[in-house]
Amino acid sequence: MQSNKKDLAFKKLLEFQYPELFKKAMTFKQYQQEYMSRNKDNPLKYGNNENLIEWGSDLIDFYFNDFFTFQDLPNKDHKTFTSYSDIRKQKQLILSEKNLADAAVQLGLKDEMLVSINVNSDLKNNPKIQSQAIKALIGAQYFDKKKDLNLLRKLLITLYQDLIKKQLDESLSLPKQDNFKGEFKEFMDKHPEYIYKLNFQELKNKFDQNQPIYEYELVINDVLPIKRNGEQKKAVEKQVFKDALQLLKTDQFKQLLEDSIKNSSVIIQQSGISESKIESQIHNNLQFVHQLGQLEKSLQQNEKINEKEDFGRLVESFLIKF
């Protein structure tokens, strides 16, 4: 029953106090030109929809911001958007050409559109033409409602509810994209005590001269180099940040890294310590670097043996030895 009410409210977009405005909205410039070339003595009474498309496009943008910022759509139902930046990100998705074209088809505008004199023309199936038709329809409704924005808002609310719901449903059904680089940078921003450098170079491929090898090296606090290479540049970069994140998120590794920072600061700050103590500190640092090298080696071996093995358990089991 609720669905029928929504459909009826949606169909109200087709109701006009001045039907000639609807005819004008459905008449495209190409049709008018083709018609005039054959009927010079009998011009079209209502003209074409070119200006109405522009009006409708502006009104669609206006009500998008109005519904999100003042009418609290879609947060009343979905509790999805919390800032204006969220709204802007969704604008192009929600008001996409495809979504507007689908709404035009749902309204049955394909049967009403006058696009070409040629009955075999396929222009009615063009999403761009279909989206322009619903824009022209909204532009025509603005004038039919005597430029009353409140009346037009009530008329458009069902359309926007459907467009928003459709986009949210599609977004929820899509698999989440991993952003290891972004997560890594966010982690480093929260830990200013860690400094990293990312080095990149393009190497010659011994087996295929036309396919270079891309190598990324990520160095954290000058003690932890993570080096990855391969033929797919983006995949290699992604793997470097993924592995770095796995390391940085283990408590044992973070403790080792903090110990290394402390050991380094002691050598710099304590100028009066004995030579034997300096050697001991250097030895500890070298031991730490060695441990990291072993950890990195274990990581690489683990990837070759079994990519699905839990890396967290591998790190934990290795660090127990030290």
C-alpha atoms as a PDB file:
ATOM      1  CA  MET A   1       0.000   0.000   0.000  1.00  0.00           C
ATOM      2  CA  GLN A   2       2.826   2.363   0.904  1.00  0.00           C
ATOM      3  CA  SER A   3       4.528   1.569  -2.402  1.00  0.00           C
ATOM      4  CA  ASN A   4       1.349   2.492  -4.312  1.00  0.00           C
ATOM      5  CA  LYS A   5       1.199   5.822  -2.496  1.00  0.00           C
ATOM      6  CA  LYS A   6       4.801   6.545  -3.490  1.00  0.00           C
ATOM      7  CA  ASP A   7       4.076   5.633  -7.118  1.00  0.00           C
ATOM      8  CA  LEU A   8       1.073   7.934  -7.170  1.00  0.00           C
ATOM      9  CA  ALA A   9       3.120  10.785  -5.674  1.00  0.00           C
ATOM     10  CA  PHE A  10       5.847  10.144  -8.255  1.00  0.00           C
ATOM     11  CA  LYS A  11       3.328  10.187 -11.118  1.00  0.00           C
ATOM     12  CA  LYS A  12       2.152  13.631 -10.030  1.00  0.00           C
ATOM     13  CA  LEU A  13       5.176  14.959 -11.914  1.00  0.00           C
ATOM     14  CA  LEU A  14       3.120  14.274 -15.056  1.00  0.00           C
ATOM     15  CA  GLU A  15       0.160  16.365 -13.914  1.00  0.00           C
ATOM     16  CA  PHE A  16       0.081  19.863 -15.412  1.00  0.00           C
ATOM     17  CA  GLN A  17      -2.302  22.762 -15.002  1.00  0.00           C
ATOM     18  CA  TYR A  18      -1.031  23.967 -18.387  1.00  0.00           C
ATOM     19  CA  PRO A  19      -0.607  20.849 -20.615  1.00  0.00           C
ATOM     20  CA  GLU A  20       1.213  22.799 -23.323  1.00  0.00           C
ATOM     21  CA  LEU A  21       4.183  23.076 -20.934  1.00  0.00           C
ATOM     22  CA  PHE A  22       4.407  19.286 -20.801  1.00  0.00           C
ATOM     23  CA  LYS A  23       4.321  19.079 -24.618  1.00  0.00           C
ATOM     24  CA  LYS A  24       7.097  21.664 -24.821  1.00  0.00           C
ATOM     25  CA  ALA A  25       9.174  19.712 -22.257  1.00  0.00           C
ATOM     26  CA  MET A  26       8.937  16.555 -24.374  1.00  0.00           C
ATOM     27  CA  THR A  27       9.869  18.218 -27.656  1.00  0.00           C
ATOM     28  CA  PHE A  28      13.582  18.167 -28.482  1.00  0.00           C
ATOM     29  CA  LYS A  29      15.365  20.621 -30.747  1.00  0.00           C
ATOM     30  CA  GLN A  30      16.233  17.972 -33.341  1.00  0.00           C
ATOM     31  CA  TYR A  31      12.583  17.013 -33.714  1.00  0.00           C
ATOM     32  CA  GLN A  32      11.595  20.670 -34.113  1.00  0.00           C
ATOM     33  CA  GLN A  33      14.227  21.218 -36.821  1.00  0.00           C
ATOM     34  CA  GLU A  34      13.249  18.081 -38.723  1.00  0.00           C
ATOM     35  CA  TYR A  35       9.570  18.951 -38.433  1.00  0.00           C
ATOM     36  CA  MET A  36      10.115  22.526 -39.654  1.00  0.00           C
ATOM     37  CA  SER A  37      12.080  21.320 -42.678  1.00  0.00           C
ATOM     38  CA  ARG A  38       9.012  19.342 -43.754  1.00  0.00           C
ATOM     39  CA  ASN A  39       6.280  21.697 -42.532  1.00  0.00           C
ATOM     40  CA  LYS A  40       7.498  25.222 -43.163  1.00  0.00           C
ATOM     41  CA  ASP A  41       3.978  26.595 -43.293  1.00  0.00           C
ATOM     42  CA  ASN A  42       2.844  24.865 -40.117  1.00  0.00           C
ATOM     43  CA  PRO A  43       5.386  25.551 -37.319  1.00  0.00           C
ATOM     44  CA  LEU A  44       5.290  23.846 -33.934  1.00  0.00           C
ATOM     45  CA  LYS A  45       3.147  25.822 -31.556  1.00  0.00           C
ATOM     46  CA  TYR A  46       5.120  25.165 -28.370  1.00  0.00           C
ATOM     47  CA  GLY A  47       8.751  25.240 -29.503  1.00  0.00           C
ATOM     48  CA  ASN A  48      11.415  22.929 -28.022  1.00  0.00           C
ATOM     49  CA  ASN A  49      12.651  22.047 -24.540  1.00  0.00           C
ATOM     50  CA  GLU A  50      16.187  23.483 -24.751  1.00  0.00           C
ATOM     51  CA  ASN A  51      15.623  26.239 -22.159  1.00  0.00           C
ATOM     52  CA  LEU A  52      13.544  23.962 -19.933  1.00  0.00           C
ATOM     53  CA  ILE A  53      16.443  21.475 -19.757  1.00  0.00           C
ATOM     54  CA  GLU A  54      18.695  24.243 -18.410  1.00  0.00           C
ATOM     55  CA  TRP A  55      16.068  25.349 -15.896  1.00  0.00           C
ATOM     56  CA  GLY A  56      15.516  21.756 -14.773  1.00  0.00           C
ATOM     57  CA  SER A  57      19.244  21.111 -14.375  1.00  0.00           C
ATOM     58  CA  ASP A  58      19.604  24.161 -12.110  1.00  0.00           C
ATOM     59  CA  LEU A  59      16.521  23.204 -10.106  1.00  0.00           C
ATOM     60  CA  ILE A  60      17.793  19.642  -9.613  1.00  0.00           C
ATOM     61  CA  ASP A  61      21.015  21.036  -8.123  1.00  0.00           C
ATOM     62  CA  PHE A  62      19.087  23.501  -5.986  1.00  0.00           C
ATOM     63  CA  TYR A  63      16.770  20.902  -4.476  1.00  0.00           C
ATOM     64  CA  PHE A  64      19.606  18.451  -3.956  1.00  0.00           C
ATOM     65  CA  ASN A  65      21.255  20.898  -1.553  1.00  0.00           C
ATOM     66  CA  ASP A  66      17.884  21.902  -0.134  1.00  0.00           C
ATOM     67  CA  PHE A  67      16.840  18.340   0.693  1.00  0.00           C
ATOM     68  CA  PHE A  68      20.186  17.447   2.254  1.00  0.00           C
ATOM     69  CA  THR A  69      20.852  20.582   4.258  1.00  0.00           C
ATOM     70  CA  PHE A  70      17.410  21.915   5.170  1.00  0.00           C
ATOM     71  CA  GLN A  71      14.945  19.054   4.742  1.00  0.00           C
ATOM     72  CA  ASP A  72      17.306  16.488   6.378  1.00  0.00           C
ATOM     73  CA  LEU A  73      17.161  13.904   3.618  1.00  0.00           C
ATOM     74  CA  PRO A  74      18.229  11.122   3.735  1.00  0.00           C
ATOM     75  CA  ASN A  75      19.317  11.216   7.395  1.00  0.00           C
ATOM     76  CA  LYS A  76      15.739  10.883   8.619  1.00  0.00           C
ATOM     77  CA  ASP A  77      15.716   7.295   7.411  1.00  0.00           C
ATOM     78  CA  HIS A  78      19.311   6.258   6.804  1.00  0.00           C
ATOM     79  CA  LYS A  79      21.508   8.247   9.236  1.00  0.00           C
ATOM     80  CA  THR A  80      24.237   8.142   6.622  1.00  0.00           C
ATOM     81  CA  PHE A  81      25.632  11.611   6.013  1.00  0.00           C
ATOM     82  CA  THR A  82      27.241  13.626   8.791  1.00  0.00           C
ATOM     83  CA  SER A  83      28.940  16.498   6.968  1.00  0.00           C
ATOM     84  CA  TYR A  84      28.555  18.618   3.855  1.00  0.00           C
ATOM     85  CA  SER A  85      31.620  16.957   2.331  1.00  0.00           C
ATOM     86  CA  ASP A  86      29.709  13.654   2.474  1.00  0.00           C
ATOM     87  CA  ILE A  87      26.861  15.293   0.577  1.00  0.00           C
ATOM     88  CA  ARG A  88      29.153  16.626  -2.140  1.00  0.00           C
ATOM     89  CA  LYS A  89      30.749  13.218  -2.651  1.00  0.00           C
ATOM     90  CA  GLN A  90      27.360  11.656  -3.241  1.00  0.00           C
ATOM     91  CA  LYS A  91      25.978  14.349  -5.518  1.00  0.00           C
ATOM     92  CA  GLN A  92      27.473  13.078  -8.760  1.00  0.00           C
ATOM     93  CA  LEU A  93      26.495   9.526  -7.887  1.00  0.00           C
ATOM     94  CA  ILE A  94      22.890  10.237  -6.912  1.00  0.00           C
ATOM     95  CA  LEU A  95      22.209  12.678  -9.759  1.00  0.00           C
ATOM     96  CA  SER A  96      24.053  10.629 -12.352  1.00  0.00           C
ATOM     97  CA  GLU A  97      22.850  10.531 -15.932  1.00  0.00           C
ATOM     98  CA  LYS A  98      21.924   6.873 -15.498  1.00  0.00           C
ATOM     99  CA  ASN A  99      19.815   7.448 -12.382  1.00  0.00           C
ATOM    100  CA  LEU A 100      17.932  10.343 -13.963  1.00  0.00           C
ATOM    101  CA  ALA A 101      17.406   8.318 -17.141  1.00  0.00           C
ATOM    102  CA  ASP A 102      16.006   5.424 -15.106  1.00  0.00           C
ATOM    103  CA  ALA A 103      13.584   7.811 -13.403  1.00  0.00           C
ATOM    104  CA  ALA A 104      12.481   9.126 -16.807  1.00  0.00           C
ATOM    105  CA  VAL A 105      11.798   5.585 -18.028  1.00  0.00           C
ATOM    106  CA  GLN A 106       9.927   4.790 -14.815  1.00  0.00           C
ATOM    107  CA  LEU A 107       7.681   7.797 -15.461  1.00  0.00           C
ATOM    108  CA  GLY A 108       6.974   6.581 -18.994  1.00  0.00           C
ATOM    109  CA  LEU A 109       8.582   9.571 -20.687  1.00  0.00           C
ATOM    110  CA  LYS A 110       9.993   7.445 -23.523  1.00  0.00           C
ATOM    111  CA  ASP A 111       6.521   7.185 -25.023  1.00  0.00           C
ATOM    112  CA  GLU A 112       5.993  10.949 -24.740  1.00  0.00           C
ATOM    113  CA  MET A 113       9.342  12.197 -26.036  1.00  0.00           C
ATOM    114  CA  LEU A 114       9.534  13.782 -29.481  1.00  0.00           C
ATOM    115  CA  VAL A 115      13.186  13.331 -30.424  1.00  0.00           C
ATOM    116  CA  SER A 116      13.190  12.681 -34.172  1.00  0.00           C
ATOM    117  CA  ILE A 117      10.761  12.519 -37.075  1.00  0.00           C
ATOM    118  CA  ASN A 118      12.410   9.237 -38.050  1.00  0.00           C
ATOM    119  CA  VAL A 119      10.315   6.504 -36.436  1.00  0.00           C
ATOM    120  CA  ASN A 120      13.288   4.130 -36.577  1.00  0.00           C
ATOM    121  CA  SER A 121      15.505   6.471 -34.576  1.00  0.00           C
ATOM    122  CA  ASP A 122      17.062   4.921 -31.472  1.00  0.00           C
ATOM    123  CA  LEU A 123      17.555   8.268 -29.721  1.00  0.00           C
ATOM    124  CA  LYS A 124      14.762   7.562 -27.235  1.00  0.00           C
ATOM    125  CA  ASN A 125      16.942   4.815 -25.746  1.00  0.00           C
ATOM    126  CA  ASN A 126      19.878   7.171 -25.199  1.00  0.00           C
ATOM    127  CA  PRO A 127      20.389   7.747 -21.416  1.00  0.00           C
ATOM    128  CA  LYS A 128      21.529  11.329 -22.058  1.00  0.00           C
ATOM    129  CA  ILE A 129      18.305  12.135 -23.932  1.00  0.00           C
ATOM    130  CA  GLN A 130      16.239  10.418 -21.244  1.00  0.00           C
ATOM    131  CA  SER A 131      17.945  12.365 -18.446  1.00  0.00           C
ATOM    132  CA  GLN A 132      17.384  15.605 -20.382  1.00  0.00           C
ATOM    133  CA  ALA A 133      13.702  14.736 -20.650  1.00  0.00           C
ATOM    134  CA  ILE A 134      13.222  14.568 -16.881  1.00  0.00           C
ATOM    135  CA  LYS A 135      15.212  17.786 -16.441  1.00  0.00           C
ATOM    136  CA  ALA A 136      12.920  19.505 -18.940  1.00  0.00           C
ATOM    137  CA  LEU A 137       9.922  18.053 -17.107  1.00  0.00           C
ATOM    138  CA  ILE A 138      11.091  19.585 -13.806  1.00  0.00           C
ATOM    139  CA  GLY A 139      11.772  22.903 -15.542  1.00  0.00           C
ATOM    140  CA  ALA A 140       8.254  22.850 -16.979  1.00  0.00           C
ATOM    141  CA  GLN A 141       6.735  22.042 -13.562  1.00  0.00           C
ATOM    142  CA  TYR A 142       8.466  25.101 -12.112  1.00  0.00           C
ATOM    143  CA  PHE A 143       6.550  27.333 -14.521  1.00  0.00           C
ATOM    144  CA  ASP A 144       3.368  25.286 -14.194  1.00  0.00           C
ATOM    145  CA  LYS A 145       3.502  25.889 -10.417  1.00  0.00           C
ATOM    146  CA  LYS A 146       3.970  29.608 -11.121  1.00  0.00           C
ATOM    147  CA  LYS A 147       7.560  29.531  -9.795  1.00  0.00           C
ATOM    148  CA  ASP A 148       6.430  28.458  -6.317  1.00  0.00           C
ATOM    149  CA  LEU A 149       9.478  26.652  -4.916  1.00  0.00           C
ATOM    150  CA  ASN A 150       7.542  25.190  -1.982  1.00  0.00           C
ATOM    151  CA  LEU A 151       4.977  23.556  -4.256  1.00  0.00           C
ATOM    152  CA  LEU A 152       7.741  22.198  -6.465  1.00  0.00           C
ATOM    153  CA  ARG A 153       9.595  20.859  -3.405  1.00  0.00           C
ATOM    154  CA  LYS A 154       6.556  18.815  -2.358  1.00  0.00           C
ATOM    155  CA  LEU A 155       6.297  17.492  -5.888  1.00  0.00           C
ATOM    156  CA  LEU A 156       9.966  16.451  -6.112  1.00  0.00           C
ATOM    157  CA  ILE A 157      10.438  14.871  -2.680  1.00  0.00           C
ATOM    158  CA  THR A 158       9.380  11.396  -3.865  1.00  0.00           C
ATOM    159  CA  LEU A 159      11.770  11.571  -6.815  1.00  0.00           C
ATOM    160  CA  TYR A 160      14.695  12.437  -4.551  1.00  0.00           C
ATOM    161  CA  GLN A 161      13.766   9.757  -2.025  1.00  0.00           C
ATOM    162  CA  ASP A 162      13.892   7.155  -4.790  1.00  0.00           C
ATOM    163  CA  LEU A 163      17.173   8.475  -6.221  1.00  0.00           C
ATOM    164  CA  ILE A 164      18.821   8.575  -2.785  1.00  0.00           C
ATOM    165  CA  LYS A 165      17.564   5.127  -1.758  1.00  0.00           C
ATOM    166  CA  LYS A 166      18.755   3.622  -5.031  1.00  0.00           C
ATOM    167  CA  GLN A 167      22.248   5.046  -4.641  1.00  0.00           C
ATOM    168  CA  LEU A 168      22.520   4.013  -0.982  1.00  0.00           C
ATOM    169  CA  ASP A 169      21.388   0.485  -1.803  1.00  0.00           C
ATOM    170  CA  GLU A 170      24.002   0.254  -4.578  1.00  0.00           C
ATOM    171  CA  SER A 171      26.720   1.633  -2.285  1.00  0.00           C
ATOM    172  CA  LEU A 172      25.936  -0.920   0.417  1.00  0.00           C
ATOM    173  CA  SER A 173      26.033  -3.792  -2.065  1.00  0.00           C
ATOM    174  CA  LEU A 174      29.473  -2.872  -3.429  1.00  0.00           C
ATOM    175  CA  PRO A 175      32.542  -4.557  -1.883  1.00  0.00           C
ATOM    176  CA  LYS A 176      34.621  -2.242   0.261  1.00  0.00           C
ATOM    177  CA  GLN A 177      37.794  -1.063  -1.435  1.00  0.00           C
ATOM    178  CA  ASP A 178      40.978  -1.417   0.607  1.00  0.00           C
ATOM    179  CA  ASN A 179      42.982   1.770   1.037  1.00  0.00           C
ATOM    180  CA  PHE A 180      46.200   0.628   2.713  1.00  0.00           C
ATOM    181  CA  LYS A 181      48.089   3.771   1.691  1.00  0.00           C
ATOM    182  CA  GLY A 182      45.475   6.002   3.303  1.00  0.00           C
ATOM    183  CA  GLU A 183      45.347   3.877   6.455  1.00  0.00           C
ATOM    184  CA  PHE A 184      49.138   3.940   6.708  1.00  0.00           C
ATOM    185  CA  LYS A 185      49.315   7.736   6.395  1.00  0.00           C
ATOM    186  CA  GLU A 186      46.548   8.122   8.942  1.00  0.00           C
ATOM    187  CA  PHE A 187      48.457   5.876  11.356  1.00  0.00           C
ATOM    188  CA  MET A 188      51.661   7.869  10.876  1.00  0.00           C
ATOM    189  CA  ASP A 189      49.827  11.168  11.432  1.00  0.00           C
ATOM    190  CA  LYS A 190      48.718   9.855  14.809  1.00  0.00           C
ATOM    191  CA  HIS A 191      52.297   8.800  15.684  1.00  0.00           C
ATOM    192  CA  PRO A 192      54.630  11.734  14.968  1.00  0.00           C
ATOM    193  CA  GLU A 193      57.460   9.827  16.666  1.00  0.00           C
ATOM    194  CA  TYR A 194      57.620   7.628  13.568  1.00  0.00           C
ATOM    195  CA  ILE A 195      59.198   8.959  10.376  1.00  0.00           C
ATOM    196  CA  TYR A 196      59.017   7.189   7.054  1.00  0.00           C
ATOM    197  CA  LYS A 197      60.500   7.565   3.590  1.00  0.00           C
ATOM    198  CA  LEU A 198      59.124   5.998   0.423  1.00  0.00           C
ATOM    199  CA  ASN A 199      61.583   5.312  -2.369  1.00  0.00           C
ATOM    200  CA  PHE A 200      60.623   4.208  -5.870  1.00  0.00           C
ATOM    201  CA  GLN A 201      62.620   3.079  -8.855  1.00  0.00           C
ATOM    202  CA  GLU A 202      61.954   1.470 -12.202  1.00  0.00           C
ATOM    203  CA  LEU A 203      64.225  -1.492 -12.964  1.00  0.00           C
ATOM    204  CA  LYS A 204      65.019  -3.438 -16.097  1.00  0.00           C
ATOM    205  CA  ASN A 205      63.288  -6.760 -16.496  1.00  0.00           C
ATOM    206  CA  LYS A 206      65.761  -9.549 -17.234  1.00  0.00           C
ATOM    207  CA  PHE A 207      63.094 -11.670 -18.894  1.00  0.00           C
ATOM    208  CA  ASP A 208      61.081  -9.025 -20.780  1.00  0.00           C
ATOM    209  CA  GLN A 209      62.728  -5.769 -21.876  1.00  0.00           C
ATOM    210  CA  ASN A 210      59.354  -4.230 -22.741  1.00  0.00           C
ATOM    211  CA  GLN A 211      57.991  -4.795 -19.238  1.00  0.00           C
ATOM    212  CA  PRO A 212      59.830  -2.869 -16.482  1.00  0.00           C
ATOM    213  CA  ILE A 213      59.999  -3.975 -12.869  1.00  0.00           C
ATOM    214  CA  TYR A 214      58.651  -1.486 -10.334  1.00  0.00           C
ATOM    215  CA  GLU A 215      60.253  -1.402  -6.897  1.00  0.00           C
ATOM    216  CA  TYR A 216      59.037   0.369  -3.777  1.00  0.00           C
ATOM    217  CA  GLU A 217      61.041   0.643  -0.565  1.00  0.00           C
ATOM    218  CA  LEU A 218      59.388   1.942   2.585  1.00  0.00           C
ATOM    219  CA  VAL A 219      61.768   2.879   5.418  1.00  0.00           C
ATOM    220  CA  ILE A 220      60.441   3.605   8.918  1.00  0.00           C
ATOM    221  CA  ASN A 221      62.731   5.492  11.335  1.00  0.00           C
ATOM    222  CA  ASP A 222      65.730   4.483   9.227  1.00  0.00           C
ATOM    223  CA  VAL A 223      65.674   0.978  10.682  1.00  0.00           C
ATOM    224  CA  LEU A 224      62.903  -0.891   8.930  1.00  0.00           C
ATOM    225  CA  PRO A 225      63.141  -1.235   5.150  1.00  0.00           C
ATOM    226  CA  ILE A 226      60.239  -2.980   3.436  1.00  0.00           C
ATOM    227  CA  LYS A 227      61.058  -3.604  -0.199  1.00  0.00           C
ATOM    228  CA  ARG A 228      58.620  -4.981  -2.762  1.00  0.00           C
ATOM    229  CA  ASN A 229      58.808  -5.255  -6.543  1.00  0.00           C
ATOM    230  CA  GLY A 230      56.729  -6.548  -9.410  1.00  0.00           C
ATOM    231  CA  GLU A 231      55.353  -5.770 -12.857  1.00  0.00           C
ATOM    232  CA  GLN A 232      52.168  -4.060 -11.642  1.00  0.00           C
ATOM    233  CA  LYS A 233      53.064  -0.639 -10.196  1.00  0.00           C
ATOM    234  CA  LYS A 234      49.883  -0.043  -8.191  1.00  0.00           C
ATOM    235  CA  ALA A 235      49.849  -3.597  -6.859  1.00  0.00           C
ATOM    236  CA  VAL A 236      53.445  -3.279  -5.610  1.00  0.00           C
ATOM    237  CA  GLU A 237      52.744   0.048  -3.890  1.00  0.00           C
ATOM    238  CA  LYS A 238      49.616  -1.408  -2.292  1.00  0.00           C
ATOM    239  CA  GLN A 239      51.552  -4.412  -0.995  1.00  0.00           C
ATOM    240  CA  VAL A 240      54.246  -2.228   0.588  1.00  0.00           C
ATOM    241  CA  PHE A 241      51.738  -0.219   2.598  1.00  0.00           C
ATOM    242  CA  LYS A 242      49.728  -3.319   3.466  1.00  0.00           C
ATOM    243  CA  ASP A 243      52.783  -5.092   4.916  1.00  0.00           C
ATOM    244  CA  ALA A 244      53.885  -1.953   6.783  1.00  0.00           C
ATOM    245  CA  LEU A 245      50.456  -1.648   8.361  1.00  0.00           C
ATOM    246  CA  GLN A 246      50.501  -5.279   9.453  1.00  0.00           C
ATOM    247  CA  LEU A 247      53.818  -4.685  11.187  1.00  0.00           C
ATOM    248  CA  LEU A 248      52.877  -1.378  12.778  1.00  0.00           C
ATOM    249  CA  LYS A 249      49.648  -2.719  14.231  1.00  0.00           C
ATOM    250  CA  THR A 250      51.347  -5.443  16.269  1.00  0.00           C
ATOM    251  CA  ASP A 251      52.067  -4.490  19.883  1.00  0.00           C
ATOM    252  CA  GLN A 252      55.309  -6.444  19.901  1.00  0.00           C
ATOM    253  CA  PHE A 253      56.683  -4.625  16.882  1.00  0.00           C
ATOM    254  CA  LYS A 254      55.695  -1.207  18.211  1.00  0.00           C
ATOM    255  CA  GLN A 255      57.499  -2.025  21.445  1.00  0.00           C
ATOM    256  CA  LEU A 256      60.652  -3.005  19.549  1.00  0.00           C
ATOM    257  CA  LEU A 257      60.497   0.191  17.516  1.00  0.00           C
ATOM    258  CA  GLU A 258      60.068   2.310  20.657  1.00  0.00           C
ATOM    259  CA  ASP A 259      63.029   0.534  22.259  1.00  0.00           C
ATOM    260  CA  SER A 260      65.097   1.362  19.200  1.00  0.00           C
ATOM    261  CA  ILE A 261      64.137   5.045  19.476  1.00  0.00           C
ATOM    262  CA  LYS A 262      65.119   5.082  23.139  1.00  0.00           C
ATOM    263  CA  ASN A 263      68.465   3.367  22.452  1.00  0.00           C
ATOM    264  CA  SER A 264      69.289   5.870  19.715  1.00  0.00           C
ATOM    265  CA  SER A 265      68.424   8.870  21.905  1.00  0.00           C
ATOM    266  CA  VAL A 266      70.570   7.544  24.762  1.00  0.00           C
ATOM    267  CA  ILE A 267      73.657   7.419  22.514  1.00  0.00           C
ATOM    268  CA  ILE A 268      73.075  10.974  21.315  1.00  0.00           C
ATOM    269  CA  GLN A 269      72.239  12.533  24.685  1.00  0.00           C
ATOM    270  CA  GLN A 270      74.746  10.816  26.998  1.00  0.00           C
ATOM    271  CA  SER A 271      78.099  12.154  25.890  1.00  0.00           C
ATOM    272  CA  GLY A 272      79.865  11.083  29.099  1.00  0.00           C
ATOM    273  CA  ILE A 273      79.168   7.373  29.009  1.00  0.00           C
ATOM    274  CA  SER A 274      81.979   4.883  28.737  1.00  0.00           C
ATOM    275  CA  GLU A 275      83.175   3.368  25.515  1.00  0.00           C
ATOM    276  CA  SER A 276      81.978  -0.078  26.614  1.00  0.00           C
ATOM    277  CA  LYS A 277      78.462   1.258  27.202  1.00  0.00           C
ATOM    278  CA  ILE A 278      78.436   2.898  23.767  1.00  0.00           C
ATOM    279  CA  GLU A 279      79.493  -0.402  22.226  1.00  0.00           C
ATOM    280  CA  SER A 280      76.722  -2.102  24.163  1.00  0.00           C
ATOM    281  CA  GLN A 281      74.131   0.377  22.883  1.00  0.00           C
ATOM    282  CA  ILE A 282      75.365  -0.032  19.304  1.00  0.00           C
ATOM    283  CA  HIS A 283      75.232  -3.784  19.738  1.00  0.00           C
ATOM    284  CA  ASN A 284      71.626  -3.523  20.924  1.00  0.00           C
ATOM    285  CA  ASN A 285      70.718  -1.415  17.931  1.00  0.00           C
ATOM    286  CA  LEU A 286      72.411  -3.791  15.531  1.00  0.00           C
ATOM    287  CA  GLN A 287      70.636  -6.679  17.222  1.00  0.00           C
ATOM    288  CA  PHE A 288      67.365  -4.841  16.771  1.00  0.00           C
ATOM    289  CA  VAL A 289      68.020  -4.245  13.060  1.00  0.00           C
ATOM    290  CA  HIS A 290      68.931  -7.906  12.706  1.00  0.00           C
ATOM    291  CA  GLN A 291      65.633  -8.900  14.302  1.00  0.00           C
ATOM    292  CA  LEU A 292      63.773  -6.675  11.892  1.00  0.00           C
ATOM    293  CA  GLY A 293      65.633  -8.198   8.976  1.00  0.00           C
ATOM    294  CA  GLN A 294      64.650 -11.665  10.150  1.00  0.00           C
ATOM    295  CA  LEU A 295      61.063 -10.531  10.521  1.00  0.00           C
ATOM    296  CA  GLU A 296      61.043  -9.088   7.011  1.00  0.00           C
ATOM    297  CA  LYS A 297      62.567 -12.284   5.640  1.00  0.00           C
ATOM    298  CA  SER A 298      59.951 -14.375   7.379  1.00  0.00           C
ATOM    299  CA  LEU A 299      57.243 -12.177   5.909  1.00  0.00           C
ATOM    300  CA  GLN A 300      58.521 -12.658   2.370  1.00  0.00           C
ATOM    301  CA  GLN A 301      58.870 -16.424   2.834  1.00  0.00           C
ATOM    302  CA  ASN A 302      55.389 -16.637   4.281  1.00  0.00           C
ATOM    303  CA  GLU A 303      53.918 -14.925   1.210  1.00  0.00           C
ATOM    304  CA  LYS A 304      55.602 -17.416  -1.109  1.00  0.00           C
ATOM    305  CA  ILE A 305      54.555 -20.474   0.898  1.00  0.00           C
ATOM    306  CA  ASN A 306      50.978 -19.616   1.761  1.00  0.00           C
ATOM    307  CA  GLU A 307      49.416 -16.226   0.990  1.00  0.00           C
ATOM    308  CA  LYS A 308      46.363 -17.012   3.110  1.00  0.00           C
ATOM    309  CA  GLU A 309      48.268 -17.719   6.336  1.00  0.00           C
ATOM    310  CA  ASP A 310      47.527 -15.282   9.138  1.00  0.00           C
ATOM    311  CA  PHE A 311      50.438 -12.818   9.202  1.00  0.00           C
ATOM    312  CA  GLY A 312      49.596 -11.658  12.699  1.00  0.00           C
ATOM    313  CA  ARG A 313      50.337 -15.105  14.107  1.00  0.00           C
ATOM    314  CA  LEU A 314      53.610 -15.245  12.183  1.00  0.00           C
ATOM    315  CA  VAL A 315      54.798 -11.937  13.630  1.00  0.00           C
ATOM    316  CA  GLU A 316      53.784 -12.923  17.136  1.00  0.00           C
ATOM    317  CA  SER A 317      55.501 -16.307  16.967  1.00  0.00           C
ATOM    318  CA  PHE A 318      58.702 -14.715  15.633  1.00  0.00           C
ATOM    319  CA  LEU A 319      58.881 -11.968  18.237  1.00  0.00           C
ATOM    320  CA  ILE A 320      58.469 -14.460  21.095  1.00  0.00           C
ATOM    321  CA  LYS A 321      61.948 -15.743  20.233  1.00  0.00           C
ATOM    322  CA  PHE A 322      63.421 -12.340  21.101  1.00  0.00           C
END
